[in-house]
Amino acid sequence: MKLLASTLAAGLLLAGSGAFAQSVDIGPGGVRIDPRTPQQRAMDREDRWRERDRWERRRAYRAERDCRTETRIRETPRGEIRRTVRVCD
């Protein structure tokens, strides 16, 4: 009887919160309720992408400034092997 009552109470809580939430996820990390609208979630996603792009551009700029490209030639019995390597100081 106690199990039935606790199960019923948990079900009512989940049903009540799900009615107002935009997204309810049940997964390995537990239950997550996201009250934001799909448009708000999309805007957050775009902000993260924009920040990642900005970070990658800064990283590439620093890498170009401190690095150079070297071509290394190695002789083998079958001929020469040319390898282009990026060397950063």
PDB file of N, CA and C in Angstrom:
ATOM      1  N   MET A   1       0.812  -1.189   0.000  1.00  0.00           N
ATOM      2  CA  MET A   1       0.000   0.000   0.000  1.00  0.00           C
ATOM      3  C   MET A   1       0.860   1.260   0.000  1.00  0.00           C
ATOM      4  N   LYS A   2       1.966   1.226   0.800  1.00  0.00           N
ATOM      5  CA  LYS A   2       2.852   2.385   0.829  1.00  0.00           C
ATOM      6  C   LYS A   2       3.491   2.597  -0.540  1.00  0.00           C
ATOM      7  N   LEU A   3       3.872   1.495  -1.192  1.00  0.00           N
ATOM      8  CA  LEU A   3       4.486   1.587  -2.517  1.00  0.00           C
ATOM      9  C   LEU A   3       3.506   2.190  -3.521  1.00  0.00           C
ATOM     10  N   LEU A   4       2.255   1.767  -3.433  1.00  0.00           N
ATOM     11  CA  LEU A   4       1.238   2.300  -4.334  1.00  0.00           C
ATOM     12  C   LEU A   4       1.033   3.799  -4.104  1.00  0.00           C
ATOM     13  N   ALA A   5       0.997   4.213  -2.856  1.00  0.00           N
ATOM     14  CA  ALA A   5       0.795   5.623  -2.546  1.00  0.00           C
ATOM     15  C   ALA A   5       1.978   6.464  -3.010  1.00  0.00           C
ATOM     16  N   SER A   6       3.210   5.984  -2.779  1.00  0.00           N
ATOM     17  CA  SER A   6       4.383   6.754  -3.210  1.00  0.00           C
ATOM     18  C   SER A   6       4.476   6.810  -4.731  1.00  0.00           C
ATOM     19  N   THR A   7       4.144   5.724  -5.402  1.00  0.00           N
ATOM     20  CA  THR A   7       4.156   5.702  -6.865  1.00  0.00           C
ATOM     21  C   THR A   7       3.108   6.668  -7.422  1.00  0.00           C
ATOM     22  N   LEU A   8       1.944   6.668  -6.811  1.00  0.00           N
ATOM     23  CA  LEU A   8       0.881   7.570  -7.250  1.00  0.00           C
ATOM     24  C   LEU A   8       1.277   9.032  -7.022  1.00  0.00           C
ATOM     25  N   ALA A   9       1.897   9.311  -5.882  1.00  0.00           N
ATOM     26  CA  ALA A   9       2.334  10.681  -5.585  1.00  0.00           C
ATOM     27  C   ALA A   9       3.407  11.133  -6.575  1.00  0.00           C
ATOM     28  N   ALA A  10       4.365  10.260  -6.873  1.00  0.00           N
ATOM     29  CA  ALA A  10       5.415  10.605  -7.835  1.00  0.00           C
ATOM     30  C   ALA A  10       4.823  10.833  -9.223  1.00  0.00           C
ATOM     31  N   GLY A  11       3.877  10.013  -9.606  1.00  0.00           N
ATOM     32  CA  GLY A  11       3.223  10.179 -10.903  1.00  0.00           C
ATOM     33  C   GLY A  11       2.471  11.487 -11.012  1.00  0.00           C
ATOM     34  N   LEU A  12       1.794  11.863  -9.929  1.00  0.00           N
ATOM     35  CA  LEU A  12       1.064  13.140  -9.933  1.00  0.00           C
ATOM     36  C   LEU A  12       2.018  14.325 -10.003  1.00  0.00           C
ATOM     37  N   LEU A  13       3.147  14.232  -9.301  1.00  0.00           N
ATOM     38  CA  LEU A  13       4.128  15.314  -9.362  1.00  0.00           C
ATOM     39  C   LEU A  13       4.697  15.474 -10.768  1.00  0.00           C
ATOM     40  N   LEU A  14       5.052  14.353 -11.384  1.00  0.00           N
ATOM     41  CA  LEU A  14       5.600  14.417 -12.746  1.00  0.00           C
ATOM     42  C   LEU A  14       4.555  14.909 -13.736  1.00  0.00           C
ATOM     43  N   ALA A  15       3.321  14.452 -13.583  1.00  0.00           N
ATOM     44  CA  ALA A  15       2.269  14.872 -14.502  1.00  0.00           C
ATOM     45  C   ALA A  15       1.980  16.359 -14.342  1.00  0.00           C
ATOM     46  N   GLY A  16       1.998  16.853 -13.121  1.00  0.00           N
ATOM     47  CA  GLY A  16       1.726  18.269 -12.875  1.00  0.00           C
ATOM     48  C   GLY A  16       2.831  19.156 -13.395  1.00  0.00           C
ATOM     49  N   SER A  17       4.078  18.762 -13.220  1.00  0.00           N
ATOM     50  CA  SER A  17       5.178  19.592 -13.691  1.00  0.00           C
ATOM     51  C   SER A  17       5.328  19.508 -15.203  1.00  0.00           C
ATOM     52  N   GLY A  18       4.968  18.394 -15.793  1.00  0.00           N
ATOM     53  CA  GLY A  18       5.089  18.232 -17.234  1.00  0.00           C
ATOM     54  C   GLY A  18       4.077  19.065 -18.004  1.00  0.00           C
ATOM     55  N   ALA A  19       2.982  19.416 -17.357  1.00  0.00           N
ATOM     56  CA  ALA A  19       1.953  20.195 -18.037  1.00  0.00           C
ATOM     57  C   ALA A  19       2.435  21.609 -18.341  1.00  0.00           C
ATOM     58  N   PHE A  20       3.310  22.153 -17.499  1.00  0.00           N
ATOM     59  CA  PHE A  20       3.789  23.511 -17.690  1.00  0.00           C
ATOM     60  C   PHE A  20       5.158  23.559 -18.358  1.00  0.00           C
ATOM     61  N   ALA A  21       5.878  22.457 -18.370  1.00  0.00           N
ATOM     62  CA  ALA A  21       7.231  22.442 -18.920  1.00  0.00           C
ATOM     63  C   ALA A  21       7.183  22.282 -20.436  1.00  0.00           C
ATOM     64  N   GLN A  22       8.174  22.810 -21.098  1.00  0.00           N
ATOM     65  CA  GLN A  22       8.286  22.649 -22.538  1.00  0.00           C
ATOM     66  C   GLN A  22       8.989  21.349 -22.895  1.00  0.00           C
ATOM     67  N   SER A  23       9.851  20.864 -21.984  1.00  0.00           N
ATOM     68  CA  SER A  23      10.618  19.659 -22.269  1.00  0.00           C
ATOM     69  C   SER A  23      10.857  18.892 -20.976  1.00  0.00           C
ATOM     70  N   VAL A  24      10.558  17.606 -20.978  1.00  0.00           N
ATOM     71  CA  VAL A  24      10.828  16.731 -19.841  1.00  0.00           C
ATOM     72  C   VAL A  24      11.681  15.596 -20.371  1.00  0.00           C
ATOM     73  N   ASP A  25      12.891  15.452 -19.829  1.00  0.00           N
ATOM     74  CA  ASP A  25      13.802  14.401 -20.253  1.00  0.00           C
ATOM     75  C   ASP A  25      14.040  13.453 -19.090  1.00  0.00           C
ATOM     76  N   ILE A  26      13.913  12.164 -19.353  1.00  0.00           N
ATOM     77  CA  ILE A  26      14.215  11.153 -18.347  1.00  0.00           C
ATOM     78  C   ILE A  26      15.347  10.329 -18.907  1.00  0.00           C
ATOM     79  N   GLY A  27      16.489  10.372 -18.241  1.00  0.00           N
ATOM     80  CA  GLY A  27      17.657   9.672 -18.755  1.00  0.00           C
ATOM     81  C   GLY A  27      18.544   9.183 -17.637  1.00  0.00           C
ATOM     82  N   PRO A  28      19.772   8.789 -17.984  1.00  0.00           N
ATOM     83  CA  PRO A  28      20.676   8.241 -16.980  1.00  0.00           C
ATOM     84  C   PRO A  28      21.056   9.252 -15.899  1.00  0.00           C
ATOM     85  N   GLY A  29      20.972  10.530 -16.179  1.00  0.00           N
ATOM     86  CA  GLY A  29      21.292  11.544 -15.179  1.00  0.00           C
ATOM     87  C   GLY A  29      20.099  11.886 -14.294  1.00  0.00           C
ATOM     88  N   GLY A  30      18.944  11.279 -14.538  1.00  0.00           N
ATOM     89  CA  GLY A  30      17.746  11.560 -13.769  1.00  0.00           C
ATOM     90  C   GLY A  30      16.726  12.300 -14.607  1.00  0.00           C
ATOM     91  N   VAL A  31      15.781  12.912 -13.939  1.00  0.00           N
ATOM     92  CA  VAL A  31      14.714  13.645 -14.614  1.00  0.00           C
ATOM     93  C   VAL A  31      15.129  15.105 -14.731  1.00  0.00           C
ATOM     94  N   ARG A  32      14.973  15.671 -15.913  1.00  0.00           N
ATOM     95  CA  ARG A  32      15.313  17.069 -16.139  1.00  0.00           C
ATOM     96  C   ARG A  32      14.115  17.751 -16.780  1.00  0.00           C
ATOM     97  N   ILE A  33      13.714  18.862 -16.219  1.00  0.00           N
ATOM     98  CA  ILE A  33      12.587  19.621 -16.745  1.00  0.00           C
ATOM     99  C   ILE A  33      13.114  20.959 -17.229  1.00  0.00           C
ATOM    100  N   ASP A  34      12.859  21.264 -18.499  1.00  0.00           N
ATOM    101  CA  ASP A  34      13.346  22.503 -19.103  1.00  0.00           C
ATOM    102  C   ASP A  34      12.154  23.388 -19.439  1.00  0.00           C
ATOM    103  N   PRO A  35      11.942  24.482 -18.690  1.00  0.00           N
ATOM    104  CA  PRO A  35      10.770  25.324 -18.915  1.00  0.00           C
ATOM    105  C   PRO A  35      10.895  26.277 -20.100  1.00  0.00           C
ATOM    106  N   ARG A  36      12.063  26.316 -20.763  1.00  0.00           N
ATOM    107  CA  ARG A  36      12.238  27.259 -21.876  1.00  0.00           C
ATOM    108  C   ARG A  36      11.474  26.792 -23.106  1.00  0.00           C
ATOM    109  N   THR A  37      11.148  27.730 -23.961  1.00  0.00           N
ATOM    110  CA  THR A  37      10.478  27.396 -25.212  1.00  0.00           C
ATOM    111  C   THR A  37      11.516  26.875 -26.209  1.00  0.00           C
ATOM    112  N   PRO A  38      11.087  26.203 -27.260  1.00  0.00           N
ATOM    113  CA  PRO A  38      12.044  25.739 -28.269  1.00  0.00           C
ATOM    114  C   PRO A  38      12.849  26.878 -28.901  1.00  0.00           C
ATOM    115  N   GLN A  39      12.231  28.056 -29.041  1.00  0.00           N
ATOM    116  CA  GLN A  39      12.953  29.196 -29.604  1.00  0.00           C
ATOM    117  C   GLN A  39      14.066  29.650 -28.666  1.00  0.00           C
ATOM    118  N   GLN A  40      13.811  29.660 -27.360  1.00  0.00           N
ATOM    119  CA  GLN A  40      14.844  30.045 -26.407  1.00  0.00           C
ATOM    120  C   GLN A  40      15.987  29.040 -26.403  1.00  0.00           C
ATOM    121  N   ARG A  41      15.658  27.754 -26.499  1.00  0.00           N
ATOM    122  CA  ARG A  41      16.717  26.734 -26.552  1.00  0.00           C
ATOM    123  C   ARG A  41      17.544  26.889 -27.821  1.00  0.00           C
ATOM    124  N   ALA A  42      16.907  27.213 -28.952  1.00  0.00           N
ATOM    125  CA  ALA A  42      17.639  27.410 -30.206  1.00  0.00           C
ATOM    126  C   ALA A  42      18.559  28.620 -30.101  1.00  0.00           C
ATOM    127  N   MET A  43      18.100  29.696 -29.439  1.00  0.00           N
ATOM    128  CA  MET A  43      18.951  30.878 -29.278  1.00  0.00           C
ATOM    129  C   MET A  43      20.171  30.542 -28.418  1.00  0.00           C
ATOM    130  N   ASP A  44      19.976  29.753 -27.365  1.00  0.00           N
ATOM    131  CA  ASP A  44      21.108  29.343 -26.528  1.00  0.00           C
ATOM    132  C   ASP A  44      22.106  28.521 -27.335  1.00  0.00           C
ATOM    133  N   ARG A  45      21.596  27.642 -28.183  1.00  0.00           N
ATOM    134  CA  ARG A  45      22.458  26.810 -29.025  1.00  0.00           C
ATOM    135  C   ARG A  45      23.267  27.676 -29.978  1.00  0.00           C
ATOM    136  N   GLU A  46      22.620  28.674 -30.578  1.00  0.00           N
ATOM    137  CA  GLU A  46      23.319  29.585 -31.504  1.00  0.00           C
ATOM    138  C   GLU A  46      24.398  30.373 -30.775  1.00  0.00           C
ATOM    139  N   ASP A  47      24.111  30.799 -29.546  1.00  0.00           N
ATOM    140  CA  ASP A  47      25.118  31.522 -28.759  1.00  0.00           C
ATOM    141  C   ASP A  47      26.330  30.643 -28.490  1.00  0.00           C
ATOM    142  N   ARG A  48      26.096  29.376 -28.155  1.00  0.00           N
ATOM    143  CA  ARG A  48      27.221  28.464 -27.916  1.00  0.00           C
ATOM    144  C   ARG A  48      28.034  28.261 -29.187  1.00  0.00           C
ATOM    145  N   TRP A  49      27.352  28.104 -30.340  1.00  0.00           N
ATOM    146  CA  TRP A  49      28.070  27.939 -31.613  1.00  0.00           C
ATOM    147  C   TRP A  49      28.888  29.184 -31.927  1.00  0.00           C
ATOM    148  N   ARG A  50      28.291  30.354 -31.722  1.00  0.00           N
ATOM    149  CA  ARG A  50      28.986  31.603 -32.005  1.00  0.00           C
ATOM    150  C   ARG A  50      30.223  31.747 -31.124  1.00  0.00           C
ATOM    151  N   GLU A  51      30.097  31.402 -29.842  1.00  0.00           N
ATOM    152  CA  GLU A  51      31.232  31.487 -28.927  1.00  0.00           C
ATOM    153  C   GLU A  51      32.320  30.492 -29.317  1.00  0.00           C
ATOM    154  N   ARG A  52      31.916  29.302 -29.740  1.00  0.00           N
ATOM    155  CA  ARG A  52      32.904  28.292 -30.162  1.00  0.00           C
ATOM    156  C   ARG A  52      33.643  28.759 -31.419  1.00  0.00           C
ATOM    157  N   ASP A  53      32.921  29.316 -32.373  1.00  0.00           N
ATOM    158  CA  ASP A  53      33.562  29.828 -33.589  1.00  0.00           C
ATOM    159  C   ASP A  53      34.554  30.936 -33.256  1.00  0.00           C
ATOM    160  N   ARG A  54      34.159  31.831 -32.367  1.00  0.00           N
ATOM    161  CA  ARG A  54      35.048  32.924 -31.961  1.00  0.00           C
ATOM    162  C   ARG A  54      36.314  32.371 -31.309  1.00  0.00           C
ATOM    163  N   TRP A  55      36.147  31.373 -30.436  1.00  0.00           N
ATOM    164  CA  TRP A  55      37.296  30.763 -29.767  1.00  0.00           C
ATOM    165  C   TRP A  55      38.219  30.087 -30.782  1.00  0.00           C
ATOM    166  N   GLU A  56      37.648  29.363 -31.745  1.00  0.00           N
ATOM    167  CA  GLU A  56      38.468  28.664 -32.740  1.00  0.00           C
ATOM    168  C   GLU A  56      39.216  29.648 -33.633  1.00  0.00           C
ATOM    169  N   ARG A  57      38.588  30.772 -33.992  1.00  0.00           N
ATOM    170  CA  ARG A  57      39.279  31.776 -34.800  1.00  0.00           C
ATOM    171  C   ARG A  57      40.457  32.369 -34.042  1.00  0.00           C
ATOM    172  N   ARG A  58      40.254  32.668 -32.739  1.00  0.00           N
ATOM    173  CA  ARG A  58      41.366  33.192 -31.929  1.00  0.00           C
ATOM    174  C   ARG A  58      42.494  32.182 -31.839  1.00  0.00           C
ATOM    175  N   ARG A  59      42.160  30.925 -31.657  1.00  0.00           N
ATOM    176  CA  ARG A  59      43.172  29.872 -31.559  1.00  0.00           C
ATOM    177  C   ARG A  59      43.943  29.727 -32.869  1.00  0.00           C
ATOM    178  N   ALA A  60      43.237  29.768 -33.992  1.00  0.00           N
ATOM    179  CA  ALA A  60      43.888  29.657 -35.294  1.00  0.00           C
ATOM    180  C   ALA A  60      44.793  30.858 -35.552  1.00  0.00           C
ATOM    181  N   TYR A  61      44.354  32.038 -35.138  1.00  0.00           N
ATOM    182  CA  TYR A  61      45.170  33.238 -35.338  1.00  0.00           C
ATOM    183  C   TYR A  61      46.473  33.127 -34.553  1.00  0.00           C
ATOM    184  N   ARG A  62      46.382  32.681 -33.289  1.00  0.00           N
ATOM    185  CA  ARG A  62      47.596  32.520 -32.488  1.00  0.00           C
ATOM    186  C   ARG A  62      48.506  31.459 -33.080  1.00  0.00           C
ATOM    187  N   ALA A  63      47.923  30.389 -33.590  1.00  0.00           N
ATOM    188  CA  ALA A  63      48.720  29.309 -34.165  1.00  0.00           C
ATOM    189  C   ALA A  63      49.445  29.783 -35.422  1.00  0.00           C
ATOM    190  N   GLU A  64      48.786  30.583 -36.249  1.00  0.00           N
ATOM    191  CA  GLU A  64      49.425  31.090 -37.461  1.00  0.00           C
ATOM    192  C   GLU A  64      50.562  32.043 -37.130  1.00  0.00           C
ATOM    193  N   ARG A  65      50.399  32.796 -36.079  1.00  0.00           N
ATOM    194  CA  ARG A  65      51.390  33.789 -35.723  1.00  0.00           C
ATOM    195  C   ARG A  65      52.670  33.139 -35.201  1.00  0.00           C
ATOM    196  N   ASP A  66      52.574  32.019 -34.486  1.00  0.00           N
ATOM    197  CA  ASP A  66      53.726  31.403 -33.847  1.00  0.00           C
ATOM    198  C   ASP A  66      54.243  30.168 -34.580  1.00  0.00           C
ATOM    199  N   CYS A  67      53.688  29.813 -35.708  1.00  0.00           N
ATOM    200  CA  CYS A  67      54.058  28.571 -36.380  1.00  0.00           C
ATOM    201  C   CYS A  67      54.595  28.830 -37.780  1.00  0.00           C
ATOM    202  N   ARG A  68      55.324  27.841 -38.272  1.00  0.00           N
ATOM    203  CA  ARG A  68      55.821  27.893 -39.646  1.00  0.00           C
ATOM    204  C   ARG A  68      55.699  26.490 -40.239  1.00  0.00           C
ATOM    205  N   THR A  69      55.747  26.408 -41.554  1.00  0.00           N
ATOM    206  CA  THR A  69      55.642  25.137 -42.248  1.00  0.00           C
ATOM    207  C   THR A  69      57.011  24.746 -42.781  1.00  0.00           C
ATOM    208  N   GLU A  70      57.426  23.519 -42.473  1.00  0.00           N
ATOM    209  CA  GLU A  70      58.708  23.003 -42.958  1.00  0.00           C
ATOM    210  C   GLU A  70      58.451  21.776 -43.822  1.00  0.00           C
ATOM    211  N   THR A  71      59.229  21.645 -44.884  1.00  0.00           N
ATOM    212  CA  THR A  71      59.171  20.449 -45.707  1.00  0.00           C
ATOM    213  C   THR A  71      60.409  19.625 -45.407  1.00  0.00           C
ATOM    214  N   ARG A  72      60.191  18.417 -44.922  1.00  0.00           N
ATOM    215  CA  ARG A  72      61.307  17.531 -44.582  1.00  0.00           C
ATOM    216  C   ARG A  72      61.408  16.451 -45.643  1.00  0.00           C
ATOM    217  N   ILE A  73      62.633  16.242 -46.108  1.00  0.00           N
ATOM    218  CA  ILE A  73      62.882  15.251 -47.168  1.00  0.00           C
ATOM    219  C   ILE A  73      63.716  14.134 -46.573  1.00  0.00           C
ATOM    220  N   ARG A  74      63.250  12.896 -46.749  1.00  0.00           N
ATOM    221  CA  ARG A  74      63.974  11.742 -46.236  1.00  0.00           C
ATOM    222  C   ARG A  74      64.234  10.777 -47.388  1.00  0.00           C
ATOM    223  N   GLU A  75      65.476  10.319 -47.491  1.00  0.00           N
ATOM    224  CA  GLU A  75      65.848   9.367 -48.549  1.00  0.00           C
ATOM    225  C   GLU A  75      65.600   7.944 -48.066  1.00  0.00           C
ATOM    226  N   THR A  76      64.962   7.150 -48.912  1.00  0.00           N
ATOM    227  CA  THR A  76      64.743   5.735 -48.636  1.00  0.00           C
ATOM    228  C   THR A  76      65.209   4.940 -49.842  1.00  0.00           C
ATOM    229  N   PRO A  77      65.352   3.632 -49.726  1.00  0.00           N
ATOM    230  CA  PRO A  77      65.741   2.819 -50.883  1.00  0.00           C
ATOM    231  C   PRO A  77      64.764   2.942 -52.054  1.00  0.00           C
ATOM    232  N   ARG A  78      63.514   3.241 -51.789  1.00  0.00           N
ATOM    233  CA  ARG A  78      62.522   3.366 -52.861  1.00  0.00           C
ATOM    234  C   ARG A  78      62.433   4.770 -53.426  1.00  0.00           C
ATOM    235  N   GLY A  79      63.105   5.728 -52.806  1.00  0.00           N
ATOM    236  CA  GLY A  79      63.064   7.104 -53.301  1.00  0.00           C
ATOM    237  C   GLY A  79      62.918   8.090 -52.167  1.00  0.00           C
ATOM    238  N   GLU A  80      62.632   9.328 -52.502  1.00  0.00           N
ATOM    239  CA  GLU A  80      62.502  10.366 -51.488  1.00  0.00           C
ATOM    240  C   GLU A  80      61.088  10.440 -50.957  1.00  0.00           C
ATOM    241  N   ILE A  81      61.018  10.752 -49.677  1.00  0.00           N
ATOM    242  CA  ILE A  81      59.723  10.982 -49.038  1.00  0.00           C
ATOM    243  C   ILE A  81      59.709  12.422 -48.567  1.00  0.00           C
ATOM    244  N   ARG A  82      58.749  13.180 -49.068  1.00  0.00           N
ATOM    245  CA  ARG A  82      58.599  14.574 -48.650  1.00  0.00           C
ATOM    246  C   ARG A  82      57.431  14.654 -47.680  1.00  0.00           C
ATOM    247  N   ARG A  83      57.679  15.273 -46.551  1.00  0.00           N
ATOM    248  CA  ARG A  83      56.639  15.433 -45.540  1.00  0.00           C
ATOM    249  C   ARG A  83      56.596  16.893 -45.112  1.00  0.00           C
ATOM    250  N   THR A  84      55.410  17.478 -45.178  1.00  0.00           N
ATOM    251  CA  THR A  84      55.233  18.855 -44.747  1.00  0.00           C
ATOM    252  C   THR A  84      54.765  18.833 -43.303  1.00  0.00           C
ATOM    253  N   VAL A  85      55.484  19.565 -42.450  1.00  0.00           N
ATOM    254  CA  VAL A  85      55.182  19.567 -41.021  1.00  0.00           C
ATOM    255  C   VAL A  85      55.008  21.003 -40.557  1.00  0.00           C
ATOM    256  N   ARG A  86      54.051  21.225 -39.705  1.00  0.00           N
ATOM    257  CA  ARG A  86      53.843  22.546 -39.105  1.00  0.00           C
ATOM    258  C   ARG A  86      54.588  22.573 -37.766  1.00  0.00           C
ATOM    259  N   VAL A  87      55.540  23.507 -37.632  1.00  0.00           N
ATOM    260  CA  VAL A  87      56.376  23.608 -36.448  1.00  0.00           C
ATOM    261  C   VAL A  87      55.996  24.894 -35.715  1.00  0.00           C
ATOM    262  N   CYS A  88      55.633  24.744 -34.433  1.00  0.00           N
ATOM    263  CA  CYS A  88      55.252  25.913 -33.624  1.00  0.00           C
ATOM    264  C   CYS A  88      56.306  26.150 -32.568  1.00  0.00           C
ATOM    265  N   ASP A  89      56.699  27.410 -32.405  1.00  0.00           N
ATOM    266  CA  ASP A  89      57.696  27.758 -31.407  1.00  0.00           C
ATOM    267  C   ASP A  89      57.073  27.995 -30.062  1.00  0.00           C
TER     268      ASP A  89
END
